[in-house]
Amino acid sequence: MLATFFYQFSIQAVNPLMNGYARNLGINSTFAGIIVGAMSITSMLLRPFAGNLTDQVSKYRLALVCVQLATWATCLLPTCLG
């Protein structure tokens, strides 16, 4: 239980820092707030589904699929941005 606490704490500790980081990149306050809000809402909506999915699917297979999706997204990002 203590390990779960520290894991969740480490994930949630990033949220307050995101706004300052976005501001340092030159993003205005409104857009930085939208980024942080979208991250929180997405996390809140997807965590129950992700939890159920990890209970039903092999953790190795799920990690492999997620790494492949992240790789594709990273490779396609420059083409989307022009």
N, C-alpha and C. Protein backbone atom coordinates (compact mmCIF):
# COMPACT_ATOMS: atom_id res chain seq x y z
N MET A 1 0.82 -1.19 0.00
CA MET A 1 0.00 0.00 0.00
C MET A 1 0.87 1.26 0.00
N LEU A 2 1.97 1.22 0.68
CA LEU A 2 2.87 2.36 0.71
C LEU A 2 3.49 2.60 -0.67
N ALA A 3 3.79 1.51 -1.37
CA ALA A 3 4.35 1.64 -2.72
C ALA A 3 3.34 2.31 -3.66
N THR A 4 2.08 1.94 -3.53
CA THR A 4 1.03 2.55 -4.35
C THR A 4 0.91 4.04 -4.05
N PHE A 5 0.99 4.39 -2.77
CA PHE A 5 0.93 5.80 -2.39
C PHE A 5 2.05 6.59 -3.05
N PHE A 6 3.28 6.10 -2.97
CA PHE A 6 4.40 6.83 -3.54
C PHE A 6 4.34 6.87 -5.07
N TYR A 7 3.83 5.81 -5.67
CA TYR A 7 3.68 5.80 -7.13
C TYR A 7 2.67 6.87 -7.56
N GLN A 8 1.50 6.88 -6.93
CA GLN A 8 0.48 7.87 -7.27
C GLN A 8 0.95 9.29 -6.95
N PHE A 9 1.68 9.44 -5.86
CA PHE A 9 2.21 10.75 -5.49
C PHE A 9 3.18 11.26 -6.55
N SER A 10 4.01 10.36 -7.06
CA SER A 10 4.99 10.78 -8.07
C SER A 10 4.30 11.21 -9.36
N ILE A 11 3.20 10.57 -9.70
CA ILE A 11 2.47 10.95 -10.91
C ILE A 11 1.77 12.29 -10.71
N GLN A 12 1.10 12.45 -9.57
CA GLN A 12 0.34 13.66 -9.31
C GLN A 12 1.22 14.86 -8.97
N ALA A 13 2.46 14.63 -8.59
CA ALA A 13 3.36 15.73 -8.26
C ALA A 13 3.73 16.54 -9.50
N VAL A 14 3.55 15.98 -10.67
CA VAL A 14 3.89 16.66 -11.92
C VAL A 14 2.83 17.69 -12.30
N ASN A 15 1.58 17.46 -11.93
CA ASN A 15 0.49 18.35 -12.34
C ASN A 15 0.73 19.82 -12.00
N PRO A 16 1.09 20.18 -10.78
CA PRO A 16 1.30 21.61 -10.49
C PRO A 16 2.47 22.21 -11.26
N LEU A 17 3.40 21.39 -11.68
CA LEU A 17 4.57 21.91 -12.40
C LEU A 17 4.29 22.17 -13.87
N MET A 18 3.27 21.54 -14.42
CA MET A 18 2.99 21.65 -15.85
C MET A 18 2.67 23.08 -16.27
N ASN A 19 1.93 23.81 -15.46
CA ASN A 19 1.55 25.18 -15.81
C ASN A 19 2.79 26.06 -15.90
N GLY A 20 3.68 25.98 -14.92
CA GLY A 20 4.91 26.77 -14.96
C GLY A 20 5.80 26.39 -16.13
N TYR A 21 5.88 25.11 -16.42
CA TYR A 21 6.69 24.64 -17.54
C TYR A 21 6.14 25.18 -18.86
N ALA A 22 4.83 25.11 -19.01
CA ALA A 22 4.21 25.63 -20.23
C ALA A 22 4.44 27.13 -20.36
N ARG A 23 4.38 27.85 -19.26
CA ARG A 23 4.62 29.30 -19.29
C ARG A 23 6.07 29.60 -19.68
N ASN A 24 7.01 28.77 -19.20
CA ASN A 24 8.42 28.97 -19.57
C ASN A 24 8.66 28.73 -21.07
N LEU A 25 7.81 27.94 -21.68
CA LEU A 25 7.92 27.70 -23.11
C LEU A 25 7.33 28.84 -23.93
N GLY A 26 6.72 29.81 -23.24
CA GLY A 26 6.17 30.97 -23.93
C GLY A 26 4.68 30.88 -24.22
N ILE A 27 4.01 29.92 -23.62
CA ILE A 27 2.58 29.75 -23.84
C ILE A 27 1.84 30.68 -22.88
N ASN A 28 0.75 31.31 -23.35
CA ASN A 28 0.02 32.22 -22.48
C ASN A 28 -0.75 31.45 -21.40
N SER A 29 -1.23 32.17 -20.40
CA SER A 29 -1.85 31.55 -19.23
C SER A 29 -3.10 30.75 -19.58
N THR A 30 -3.90 31.25 -20.48
CA THR A 30 -5.14 30.57 -20.85
C THR A 30 -4.85 29.21 -21.48
N PHE A 31 -3.94 29.18 -22.42
CA PHE A 31 -3.62 27.92 -23.09
C PHE A 31 -2.93 26.96 -22.15
N ALA A 32 -2.08 27.47 -21.25
CA ALA A 32 -1.44 26.61 -20.25
C ALA A 32 -2.49 25.98 -19.35
N GLY A 33 -3.51 26.75 -18.97
CA GLY A 33 -4.60 26.21 -18.16
C GLY A 33 -5.39 25.15 -18.90
N ILE A 34 -5.59 25.35 -20.18
CA ILE A 34 -6.30 24.35 -20.99
C ILE A 34 -5.50 23.06 -21.06
N ILE A 35 -4.19 23.17 -21.20
CA ILE A 35 -3.33 21.98 -21.25
C ILE A 35 -3.41 21.19 -19.95
N VAL A 36 -3.27 21.89 -18.82
CA VAL A 36 -3.31 21.22 -17.52
C VAL A 36 -4.69 20.64 -17.25
N GLY A 37 -5.74 21.37 -17.60
CA GLY A 37 -7.09 20.88 -17.40
C GLY A 37 -7.40 19.66 -18.27
N ALA A 38 -6.96 19.70 -19.52
CA ALA A 38 -7.18 18.56 -20.42
C ALA A 38 -6.44 17.32 -19.92
N MET A 39 -5.23 17.53 -19.40
CA MET A 39 -4.47 16.40 -18.87
C MET A 39 -5.18 15.77 -17.67
N SER A 40 -5.73 16.61 -16.79
CA SER A 40 -6.42 16.09 -15.61
C SER A 40 -7.73 15.40 -15.97
N ILE A 41 -8.49 15.99 -16.86
CA ILE A 41 -9.77 15.40 -17.25
C ILE A 41 -9.56 14.09 -18.01
N THR A 42 -8.59 14.06 -18.90
CA THR A 42 -8.28 12.83 -19.63
C THR A 42 -7.85 11.73 -18.67
N SER A 43 -7.02 12.08 -17.72
CA SER A 43 -6.57 11.10 -16.73
C SER A 43 -7.75 10.56 -15.92
N MET A 44 -8.64 11.45 -15.50
CA MET A 44 -9.79 11.04 -14.70
C MET A 44 -10.71 10.11 -15.49
N LEU A 45 -10.90 10.38 -16.77
CA LEU A 45 -11.81 9.57 -17.58
C LEU A 45 -11.22 8.24 -18.01
N LEU A 46 -9.90 8.20 -18.25
CA LEU A 46 -9.30 6.99 -18.80
C LEU A 46 -8.79 6.01 -17.75
N ARG A 47 -8.53 6.45 -16.53
CA ARG A 47 -7.96 5.54 -15.53
C ARG A 47 -8.85 4.33 -15.22
N PRO A 48 -10.16 4.48 -15.07
CA PRO A 48 -10.96 3.27 -14.82
C PRO A 48 -10.89 2.26 -15.96
N PHE A 49 -10.92 2.75 -17.20
CA PHE A 49 -10.84 1.84 -18.35
C PHE A 49 -9.45 1.19 -18.45
N ALA A 50 -8.43 1.97 -18.19
CA ALA A 50 -7.07 1.42 -18.23
C ALA A 50 -6.88 0.38 -17.12
N GLY A 51 -7.46 0.62 -15.96
CA GLY A 51 -7.36 -0.35 -14.87
C GLY A 51 -8.03 -1.66 -15.22
N ASN A 52 -9.22 -1.59 -15.80
CA ASN A 52 -9.91 -2.81 -16.22
C ASN A 52 -9.16 -3.52 -17.33
N LEU A 53 -8.59 -2.76 -18.25
CA LEU A 53 -7.84 -3.35 -19.35
C LEU A 53 -6.61 -4.09 -18.84
N THR A 54 -5.90 -3.52 -17.89
CA THR A 54 -4.72 -4.20 -17.36
C THR A 54 -5.08 -5.44 -16.56
N ASP A 55 -6.29 -5.50 -16.05
CA ASP A 55 -6.73 -6.71 -15.35
C ASP A 55 -7.05 -7.84 -16.33
N GLN A 56 -7.43 -7.49 -17.56
CA GLN A 56 -7.88 -8.49 -18.51
C GLN A 56 -6.82 -8.91 -19.53
N VAL A 57 -5.86 -8.05 -19.80
CA VAL A 57 -4.88 -8.29 -20.86
C VAL A 57 -3.50 -8.48 -20.23
N SER A 58 -2.69 -9.25 -20.89
CA SER A 58 -1.32 -9.45 -20.44
C SER A 58 -0.60 -8.10 -20.35
N LYS A 59 0.08 -7.87 -19.27
CA LYS A 59 0.78 -6.60 -19.06
C LYS A 59 1.88 -6.41 -20.12
N TYR A 60 2.53 -7.49 -20.50
CA TYR A 60 3.59 -7.43 -21.52
C TYR A 60 2.99 -7.00 -22.86
N ARG A 61 1.89 -7.62 -23.25
CA ARG A 61 1.27 -7.31 -24.53
C ARG A 61 0.75 -5.87 -24.55
N LEU A 62 0.15 -5.45 -23.44
CA LEU A 62 -0.36 -4.09 -23.35
C LEU A 62 0.78 -3.07 -23.42
N ALA A 63 1.88 -3.33 -22.74
CA ALA A 63 3.03 -2.43 -22.79
C ALA A 63 3.60 -2.38 -24.21
N LEU A 64 3.65 -3.51 -24.88
CA LEU A 64 4.16 -3.56 -26.24
C LEU A 64 3.30 -2.73 -27.18
N VAL A 65 1.99 -2.84 -27.07
CA VAL A 65 1.08 -2.07 -27.91
C VAL A 65 1.22 -0.57 -27.63
N CYS A 66 1.33 -0.21 -26.35
CA CYS A 66 1.46 1.20 -25.99
C CYS A 66 2.77 1.79 -26.49
N VAL A 67 3.84 1.03 -26.42
CA VAL A 67 5.12 1.52 -26.93
C VAL A 67 5.05 1.70 -28.44
N GLN A 68 4.39 0.79 -29.13
CA GLN A 68 4.24 0.92 -30.57
C GLN A 68 3.41 2.15 -30.93
N LEU A 69 2.32 2.38 -30.20
CA LEU A 69 1.50 3.57 -30.46
C LEU A 69 2.29 4.85 -30.20
N ALA A 70 3.05 4.87 -29.13
CA ALA A 70 3.86 6.06 -28.82
C ALA A 70 4.93 6.29 -29.88
N THR A 71 5.51 5.22 -30.38
CA THR A 71 6.52 5.34 -31.43
C THR A 71 5.91 5.89 -32.71
N TRP A 72 4.76 5.36 -33.09
CA TRP A 72 4.08 5.86 -34.29
C TRP A 72 3.69 7.33 -34.13
N ALA A 73 3.17 7.68 -32.97
CA ALA A 73 2.78 9.07 -32.74
C ALA A 73 3.98 10.00 -32.81
N THR A 74 5.11 9.55 -32.28
CA THR A 74 6.33 10.37 -32.32
C THR A 74 6.83 10.51 -33.75
N CYS A 75 6.75 9.46 -34.52
CA CYS A 75 7.21 9.52 -35.91
C CYS A 75 6.28 10.35 -36.79
N LEU A 76 4.98 10.33 -36.50
CA LEU A 76 4.03 11.06 -37.33
C LEU A 76 3.89 12.53 -36.93
N LEU A 77 4.34 12.90 -35.75
CA LEU A 77 4.19 14.28 -35.29
C LEU A 77 4.83 15.30 -36.22
N PRO A 78 6.07 15.08 -36.69
CA PRO A 78 6.64 16.08 -37.60
C PRO A 78 5.86 16.25 -38.90
N THR A 79 5.24 15.18 -39.38
CA THR A 79 4.46 15.30 -40.61
C THR A 79 3.16 16.07 -40.37
N CYS A 80 2.61 15.95 -39.16
CA CYS A 80 1.38 16.67 -38.85
C CYS A 80 1.64 18.16 -38.64
N LEU A 81 2.81 18.48 -38.11
CA LEU A 81 3.12 19.88 -37.84
C LEU A 81 3.62 20.62 -39.08
N GLY A 82 3.95 19.86 -40.09
CA GLY A 82 4.34 20.50 -41.35
C GLY A 82 5.77 20.51 -41.50
